[in-house]
Amino acid sequence: MQEIIKLLIGIGVLALGFPIGSYLAKITKEELKSGKRWFGIIIIVSLIGGVIGLILEDDVLMFSFFFIAIVTSRSLKK
């Protein structure tokens, strides 16, 4: 039961990454233009870290990296 609750909380936090990323993209347009390459690198590293967290079965590591990847990718979409 505790695992299900932790998983639901993690998914909820990941879902919050979408509006947070959109908001950050809206207020930091100048930085996004100059740092587009670095944001791509952050997304790739975060996805790799999330997969490693999944393999190691470390929920905190996995959700943290996937949250960073979601926020950064949403920032690039705007």
N, C-alpha and C. Protein backbone atom coordinates (compact mmCIF):
# COMPACT_ATOMS: atom_id res chain seq x y z
N MET A 1 0.82 -1.19 0.00
CA MET A 1 0.00 0.00 0.00
C MET A 1 0.86 1.26 0.00
N GLN A 2 1.95 1.23 0.77
CA GLN A 2 2.83 2.40 0.82
C GLN A 2 3.49 2.65 -0.53
N GLU A 3 3.83 1.59 -1.24
CA GLU A 3 4.46 1.74 -2.55
C GLU A 3 3.51 2.42 -3.53
N ILE A 4 2.23 2.06 -3.48
CA ILE A 4 1.25 2.68 -4.37
C ILE A 4 1.10 4.16 -4.06
N ILE A 5 1.08 4.51 -2.79
CA ILE A 5 0.96 5.92 -2.40
C ILE A 5 2.19 6.70 -2.84
N LYS A 6 3.38 6.13 -2.65
CA LYS A 6 4.61 6.81 -3.10
C LYS A 6 4.61 6.99 -4.61
N LEU A 7 4.15 5.99 -5.33
CA LEU A 7 4.09 6.07 -6.78
C LEU A 7 3.09 7.13 -7.24
N LEU A 8 1.94 7.20 -6.60
CA LEU A 8 0.94 8.21 -6.95
C LEU A 8 1.44 9.63 -6.65
N ILE A 9 2.14 9.80 -5.54
CA ILE A 9 2.71 11.11 -5.22
C ILE A 9 3.77 11.48 -6.26
N GLY A 10 4.60 10.53 -6.65
CA GLY A 10 5.62 10.78 -7.66
C GLY A 10 5.01 11.17 -9.00
N ILE A 11 3.96 10.49 -9.40
CA ILE A 11 3.28 10.81 -10.66
C ILE A 11 2.64 12.18 -10.57
N GLY A 12 2.08 12.51 -9.42
CA GLY A 12 1.50 13.84 -9.22
C GLY A 12 2.54 14.95 -9.34
N VAL A 13 3.71 14.71 -8.77
CA VAL A 13 4.78 15.70 -8.87
C VAL A 13 5.26 15.82 -10.31
N LEU A 14 5.36 14.70 -11.02
CA LEU A 14 5.74 14.75 -12.43
C LEU A 14 4.72 15.53 -13.24
N ALA A 15 3.45 15.37 -12.93
CA ALA A 15 2.40 16.11 -13.64
C ALA A 15 2.52 17.61 -13.40
N LEU A 16 3.00 17.99 -12.23
CA LEU A 16 3.21 19.42 -11.95
C LEU A 16 4.34 20.01 -12.80
N GLY A 17 5.20 19.16 -13.34
CA GLY A 17 6.30 19.64 -14.18
C GLY A 17 5.83 20.32 -15.45
N PHE A 18 4.68 19.92 -15.97
CA PHE A 18 4.18 20.51 -17.21
C PHE A 18 3.80 21.98 -17.04
N PRO A 19 2.96 22.34 -16.06
CA PRO A 19 2.65 23.78 -15.92
C PRO A 19 3.85 24.59 -15.42
N ILE A 20 4.70 23.99 -14.60
CA ILE A 20 5.88 24.72 -14.12
C ILE A 20 6.82 25.03 -15.28
N GLY A 21 7.04 24.05 -16.17
CA GLY A 21 7.89 24.28 -17.33
C GLY A 21 7.33 25.34 -18.26
N SER A 22 6.03 25.32 -18.46
CA SER A 22 5.39 26.33 -19.31
C SER A 22 5.52 27.72 -18.69
N TYR A 23 5.34 27.80 -17.39
CA TYR A 23 5.46 29.08 -16.71
C TYR A 23 6.89 29.62 -16.79
N LEU A 24 7.86 28.76 -16.56
CA LEU A 24 9.26 29.19 -16.64
C LEU A 24 9.63 29.64 -18.05
N ALA A 25 9.09 28.96 -19.06
CA ALA A 25 9.36 29.36 -20.44
C ALA A 25 8.77 30.74 -20.73
N LYS A 26 7.64 31.01 -20.13
CA LYS A 26 6.97 32.29 -20.36
C LYS A 26 7.74 33.46 -19.74
N ILE A 27 8.34 33.24 -18.58
CA ILE A 27 9.00 34.36 -17.90
C ILE A 27 10.49 34.47 -18.20
N THR A 28 11.07 33.48 -18.89
CA THR A 28 12.51 33.52 -19.17
C THR A 28 12.81 33.32 -20.65
N LYS A 29 12.15 34.08 -21.50
CA LYS A 29 12.32 33.90 -22.94
C LYS A 29 13.74 34.20 -23.42
N GLU A 30 14.39 35.20 -22.83
CA GLU A 30 15.73 35.58 -23.27
C GLU A 30 16.75 34.47 -23.02
N GLU A 31 16.66 33.84 -21.86
CA GLU A 31 17.60 32.78 -21.52
C GLU A 31 17.41 31.55 -22.38
N LEU A 32 16.18 31.29 -22.80
CA LEU A 32 15.91 30.10 -23.61
C LEU A 32 16.57 30.19 -24.98
N LYS A 33 16.61 31.38 -25.54
CA LYS A 33 17.21 31.54 -26.87
C LYS A 33 18.71 31.27 -26.83
N SER A 34 19.37 31.81 -25.85
CA SER A 34 20.83 31.66 -25.78
C SER A 34 21.27 30.30 -25.24
N GLY A 35 20.44 29.63 -24.49
CA GLY A 35 20.85 28.37 -23.86
C GLY A 35 20.18 27.14 -24.41
N LYS A 36 19.67 27.22 -25.65
CA LYS A 36 18.93 26.10 -26.22
C LYS A 36 19.76 24.81 -26.27
N ARG A 37 21.03 24.93 -26.63
CA ARG A 37 21.90 23.76 -26.70
C ARG A 37 22.07 23.11 -25.32
N TRP A 38 22.24 23.95 -24.30
CA TRP A 38 22.44 23.42 -22.96
C TRP A 38 21.18 22.76 -22.42
N PHE A 39 20.03 23.30 -22.77
CA PHE A 39 18.78 22.68 -22.34
C PHE A 39 18.63 21.29 -22.95
N GLY A 40 19.06 21.12 -24.20
CA GLY A 40 19.03 19.81 -24.83
C GLY A 40 19.92 18.82 -24.11
N ILE A 41 21.09 19.28 -23.70
CA ILE A 41 22.02 18.41 -22.95
C ILE A 41 21.42 18.04 -21.60
N ILE A 42 20.77 18.99 -20.94
CA ILE A 42 20.14 18.72 -19.64
C ILE A 42 19.04 17.66 -19.80
N ILE A 43 18.27 17.76 -20.88
CA ILE A 43 17.20 16.79 -21.10
C ILE A 43 17.77 15.40 -21.28
N ILE A 44 18.81 15.27 -22.10
CA ILE A 44 19.42 13.96 -22.35
C ILE A 44 19.99 13.37 -21.07
N VAL A 45 20.73 14.17 -20.31
CA VAL A 45 21.32 13.69 -19.06
C VAL A 45 20.23 13.30 -18.06
N SER A 46 19.15 14.07 -18.00
CA SER A 46 18.06 13.77 -17.08
C SER A 46 17.35 12.48 -17.46
N LEU A 47 17.14 12.25 -18.75
CA LEU A 47 16.51 11.01 -19.17
C LEU A 47 17.39 9.80 -18.86
N ILE A 48 18.69 9.94 -19.08
CA ILE A 48 19.61 8.85 -18.74
C ILE A 48 19.59 8.60 -17.23
N GLY A 49 19.63 9.66 -16.44
CA GLY A 49 19.57 9.51 -14.98
C GLY A 49 18.26 8.89 -14.52
N GLY A 50 17.15 9.25 -15.17
CA GLY A 50 15.86 8.65 -14.83
C GLY A 50 15.82 7.16 -15.12
N VAL A 51 16.38 6.76 -16.25
CA VAL A 51 16.43 5.33 -16.59
C VAL A 51 17.33 4.58 -15.61
N ILE A 52 18.45 5.20 -15.23
CA ILE A 52 19.33 4.57 -14.24
C ILE A 52 18.59 4.42 -12.91
N GLY A 53 17.83 5.43 -12.50
CA GLY A 53 17.04 5.33 -11.29
C GLY A 53 15.99 4.24 -11.38
N LEU A 54 15.43 4.05 -12.57
CA LEU A 54 14.46 2.98 -12.78
C LEU A 54 15.12 1.61 -12.67
N ILE A 55 16.31 1.48 -13.25
CA ILE A 55 17.04 0.21 -13.19
C ILE A 55 17.46 -0.10 -11.75
N LEU A 56 17.92 0.91 -11.03
CA LEU A 56 18.35 0.71 -9.64
C LEU A 56 17.18 0.63 -8.66
N GLU A 57 15.97 0.85 -9.16
CA GLU A 57 14.76 0.87 -8.34
C GLU A 57 14.83 1.92 -7.24
N ASP A 58 15.39 3.06 -7.57
CA ASP A 58 15.47 4.20 -6.65
C ASP A 58 14.44 5.23 -7.11
N ASP A 59 13.29 5.26 -6.44
CA ASP A 59 12.19 6.10 -6.87
C ASP A 59 12.52 7.59 -6.82
N VAL A 60 13.21 8.00 -5.77
CA VAL A 60 13.54 9.42 -5.63
C VAL A 60 14.44 9.88 -6.77
N LEU A 61 15.45 9.11 -7.08
CA LEU A 61 16.36 9.44 -8.17
C LEU A 61 15.61 9.47 -9.50
N MET A 62 14.80 8.47 -9.74
CA MET A 62 14.06 8.38 -11.00
C MET A 62 13.10 9.56 -11.17
N PHE A 63 12.28 9.83 -10.17
CA PHE A 63 11.31 10.91 -10.29
C PHE A 63 11.99 12.27 -10.36
N SER A 64 13.10 12.45 -9.66
CA SER A 64 13.82 13.72 -9.72
C SER A 64 14.35 14.00 -11.12
N PHE A 65 14.99 13.02 -11.71
CA PHE A 65 15.53 13.22 -13.05
C PHE A 65 14.42 13.39 -14.09
N PHE A 66 13.35 12.62 -13.98
CA PHE A 66 12.26 12.76 -14.94
C PHE A 66 11.57 14.11 -14.77
N PHE A 67 11.46 14.62 -13.54
CA PHE A 67 10.89 15.95 -13.32
C PHE A 67 11.73 17.02 -14.01
N ILE A 68 13.04 16.93 -13.87
CA ILE A 68 13.93 17.89 -14.52
C ILE A 68 13.77 17.81 -16.03
N ALA A 69 13.67 16.60 -16.56
CA ALA A 69 13.51 16.43 -18.01
C ALA A 69 12.19 17.02 -18.49
N ILE A 70 11.13 16.84 -17.74
CA ILE A 70 9.82 17.38 -18.14
C ILE A 70 9.83 18.89 -18.12
N VAL A 71 10.32 19.47 -17.03
CA VAL A 71 10.34 20.94 -16.93
C VAL A 71 11.19 21.54 -18.03
N THR A 72 12.36 20.98 -18.28
CA THR A 72 13.25 21.51 -19.30
C THR A 72 12.67 21.36 -20.69
N SER A 73 12.05 20.22 -20.97
CA SER A 73 11.48 20.02 -22.31
C SER A 73 10.29 20.94 -22.54
N ARG A 74 9.50 21.18 -21.51
CA ARG A 74 8.38 22.11 -21.65
C ARG A 74 8.89 23.53 -21.88
N SER A 75 10.00 23.85 -21.28
CA SER A 75 10.57 25.17 -21.48
C SER A 75 11.02 25.35 -22.92
N LEU A 76 11.53 24.30 -23.53
CA LEU A 76 12.00 24.41 -24.92
C LEU A 76 10.84 24.44 -25.91
N LYS A 77 9.71 23.87 -25.56
CA LYS A 77 8.57 23.84 -26.48
C LYS A 77 7.97 25.21 -26.70
N LYS A 78 8.09 26.09 -25.75
CA LYS A 78 7.46 27.41 -25.85
C LYS A 78 8.28 28.36 -26.66
